[in-house]
Amino acid sequence: MSVTAQSTPHTCDGCLDRREVLVRAGLVTVGVAAAGVLAACGGSDTPSDDAPAAASGGALAQVSDIPVGGALSAKDADGKPIILLQPEAGTVVALSAVCTHQSCTVAPDGDELVCPCHGSVYDLTGANVSGPAPSPLPEVDVHVSNGAVLAGKA
């Protein structure tokens, strides 16, 4: 003789069935993944620790901080990322550090400027070397006064 347990249906107002739980979990996962992709492809409004921000009306950097034949990450007076270059002693040129592909911030890497997001590479004149960037980095107006690099034309 066997005993059969009689089941009673479980009723719960506001409970989710298995399918609804999986659907909602999938939507959350897709949302988190999309946010991650957008964060990786977008520029950052927060200053990085390796790029000093210019004080209002102050110097962007000292010429002595920029290696001759090299580059230095900095921020302009508005807090936007720039690259300061010193192609020859005493001559300073500035480029926007915003990648022309999807606005990530490029950084000096030896004798190149490299975008960490999608691999665009520029030379120290801002010209495209490789990667998906569609155009060169635009110049930014700077001038030198008393050994300091200042925003704008002299």
Protein backbone atom coordinates (compact mmCIF):
# COMPACT_ATOMS: atom_id res chain seq x y z
CA MET A 1 0.00 0.00 0.00
CA SER A 2 1.36 3.38 -0.89
CA VAL A 3 0.61 6.70 0.56
CA THR A 4 0.16 9.62 -1.83
CA ALA A 5 0.64 13.06 -0.44
CA GLN A 6 -1.85 15.48 -1.71
CA SER A 7 -0.27 18.75 -2.81
CA THR A 8 -1.95 22.01 -2.26
CA PRO A 9 -1.23 24.84 -4.66
CA HIS A 10 0.97 27.55 -3.21
CA THR A 11 -0.55 30.97 -3.51
CA CYS A 12 1.45 34.10 -3.06
CA ASP A 13 0.43 37.57 -4.06
CA GLY A 14 3.41 39.33 -5.64
CA CYS A 15 5.56 36.18 -6.05
CA LEU A 16 7.43 35.67 -9.32
CA ASP A 17 7.47 32.41 -11.19
CA ARG A 18 10.75 30.96 -12.48
CA ARG A 19 10.35 32.41 -15.98
CA GLU A 20 9.76 35.95 -14.66
CA VAL A 21 12.82 35.72 -12.39
CA LEU A 22 15.00 34.65 -15.34
CA VAL A 23 13.62 37.39 -17.61
CA ARG A 24 14.30 40.07 -15.01
CA ALA A 25 17.78 38.73 -14.27
CA GLY A 26 18.55 38.81 -18.00
CA LEU A 27 17.39 42.42 -18.30
CA VAL A 28 19.58 43.46 -15.38
CA THR A 29 22.59 41.67 -16.92
CA VAL A 30 22.07 43.37 -20.29
CA GLY A 31 21.74 46.76 -18.57
CA VAL A 32 24.95 46.31 -16.59
CA ALA A 33 26.84 45.14 -19.69
CA ALA A 34 25.60 48.12 -21.71
CA ALA A 35 26.67 50.54 -18.98
CA GLY A 36 30.12 48.96 -18.96
CA VAL A 37 30.50 49.31 -22.73
CA LEU A 38 29.38 52.93 -22.66
CA ALA A 39 31.78 53.71 -19.82
CA ALA A 40 34.67 52.13 -21.72
CA CYS A 41 33.89 53.99 -24.94
CA GLY A 42 33.12 57.36 -23.46
CA GLY A 43 35.46 60.02 -22.23
CA SER A 44 35.89 60.69 -18.58
CA ASP A 45 34.98 63.95 -16.93
CA THR A 46 37.02 63.14 -13.86
CA PRO A 47 40.64 64.20 -13.84
CA SER A 48 43.16 61.38 -13.77
CA ASP A 49 45.88 61.33 -11.14
CA ASP A 50 48.65 61.53 -13.74
CA ALA A 51 47.37 64.68 -15.43
CA PRO A 52 47.58 67.83 -13.35
CA ALA A 53 44.66 70.19 -13.72
CA ALA A 54 45.43 73.82 -14.43
CA ALA A 55 44.45 76.30 -11.79
CA SER A 56 42.10 78.97 -13.02
CA GLY A 57 44.33 81.41 -14.88
CA GLY A 58 47.39 79.40 -13.82
CA ALA A 59 50.04 77.45 -15.65
CA LEU A 60 49.12 74.23 -17.42
CA ALA A 61 52.64 72.94 -16.69
CA GLN A 62 56.23 74.05 -16.48
CA VAL A 63 58.29 73.70 -19.65
CA SER A 64 60.90 71.85 -17.57
CA ASP A 65 58.29 69.13 -16.80
CA ILE A 66 57.83 68.27 -20.49
CA PRO A 67 60.56 66.02 -21.89
CA VAL A 68 62.32 67.40 -24.98
CA GLY A 69 61.14 65.21 -27.86
CA GLY A 70 58.39 63.81 -25.65
CA ALA A 71 54.96 64.47 -24.22
CA LEU A 72 53.14 65.11 -20.95
CA SER A 73 49.46 64.61 -20.08
CA ALA A 74 47.77 67.68 -18.61
CA LYS A 75 44.39 69.40 -18.29
CA ASP A 76 43.48 72.72 -19.84
CA ALA A 77 41.95 75.58 -17.87
CA ASP A 78 38.49 73.99 -18.36
CA GLY A 79 39.68 70.59 -17.09
CA LYS A 80 39.74 68.96 -20.54
CA PRO A 81 42.58 66.52 -21.21
CA ILE A 82 45.44 67.75 -23.38
CA ILE A 83 48.88 66.53 -24.35
CA LEU A 84 51.79 68.97 -24.06
CA LEU A 85 54.72 68.29 -26.40
CA GLN A 86 58.19 69.78 -26.57
CA PRO A 87 59.50 68.87 -30.05
CA GLU A 88 62.64 70.96 -29.45
CA ALA A 89 63.92 72.71 -26.36
CA GLY A 90 61.75 75.71 -25.49
CA THR A 91 59.04 75.02 -28.09
CA VAL A 92 55.77 73.72 -26.66
CA VAL A 93 52.82 72.46 -28.68
CA ALA A 94 49.50 71.21 -27.27
CA LEU A 95 47.06 68.69 -28.69
CA SER A 96 43.64 67.62 -27.54
CA ALA A 97 43.96 64.28 -25.72
CA VAL A 98 40.43 63.29 -26.77
CA CYS A 99 40.60 60.42 -29.26
CA THR A 100 38.82 61.24 -32.49
CA HIS A 101 37.34 57.72 -32.59
CA GLN A 102 35.06 57.63 -29.53
CA SER A 103 36.39 60.34 -27.20
CA CYS A 104 38.54 58.25 -24.87
CA THR A 105 41.59 59.98 -23.41
CA VAL A 106 44.86 59.21 -25.17
CA ALA A 107 48.12 59.11 -23.22
CA PRO A 108 51.80 59.41 -24.07
CA ASP A 109 53.57 56.07 -24.52
CA GLY A 110 57.16 56.64 -25.56
CA ASP A 111 57.17 58.33 -28.95
CA GLU A 112 53.45 57.70 -29.51
CA LEU A 113 50.08 58.78 -28.13
CA VAL A 114 47.90 55.73 -27.48
CA CYS A 115 44.17 55.38 -26.90
CA PRO A 116 43.50 52.66 -24.32
CA CYS A 117 39.93 51.99 -25.47
CA HIS A 118 40.21 50.77 -29.05
CA GLY A 119 43.92 50.96 -29.86
CA SER A 120 44.17 54.10 -31.94
CA VAL A 121 47.76 55.33 -32.12
CA TYR A 122 48.97 58.83 -33.00
CA ASP A 123 52.49 60.13 -33.47
CA LEU A 124 53.82 63.11 -31.51
CA THR A 125 52.42 65.51 -34.12
CA GLY A 126 48.90 64.16 -33.53
CA ALA A 127 48.76 62.34 -36.89
CA ASN A 128 47.08 58.92 -37.09
CA VAL A 129 49.48 55.98 -37.12
CA SER A 130 47.02 53.11 -36.71
CA GLY A 131 43.66 52.11 -35.29
CA PRO A 132 40.09 53.22 -35.90
CA ALA A 133 40.52 56.97 -35.25
CA PRO A 134 39.20 58.84 -38.31
CA SER A 135 41.26 62.03 -37.97
CA PRO A 136 44.32 63.51 -36.26
CA LEU A 137 44.27 65.08 -32.80
CA PRO A 138 43.49 68.80 -33.08
CA GLU A 139 45.93 71.41 -31.82
CA VAL A 140 45.15 73.49 -28.74
CA ASP A 141 46.44 77.05 -28.37
CA VAL A 142 49.15 77.47 -25.72
CA HIS A 143 52.09 79.76 -25.19
CA VAL A 144 55.14 79.92 -22.93
CA SER A 145 55.80 82.74 -20.48
CA ASN A 146 58.62 82.71 -17.91
CA GLY A 147 59.01 78.93 -18.20
CA ALA A 148 55.30 78.24 -17.72
CA VAL A 149 52.92 76.84 -20.33
CA LEU A 150 49.76 78.93 -20.43
CA ALA A 151 46.47 78.46 -22.28
CA GLY A 152 45.69 80.57 -25.33
CA LYS A 153 47.79 82.51 -27.80
CA ALA A 154 50.47 84.91 -26.59
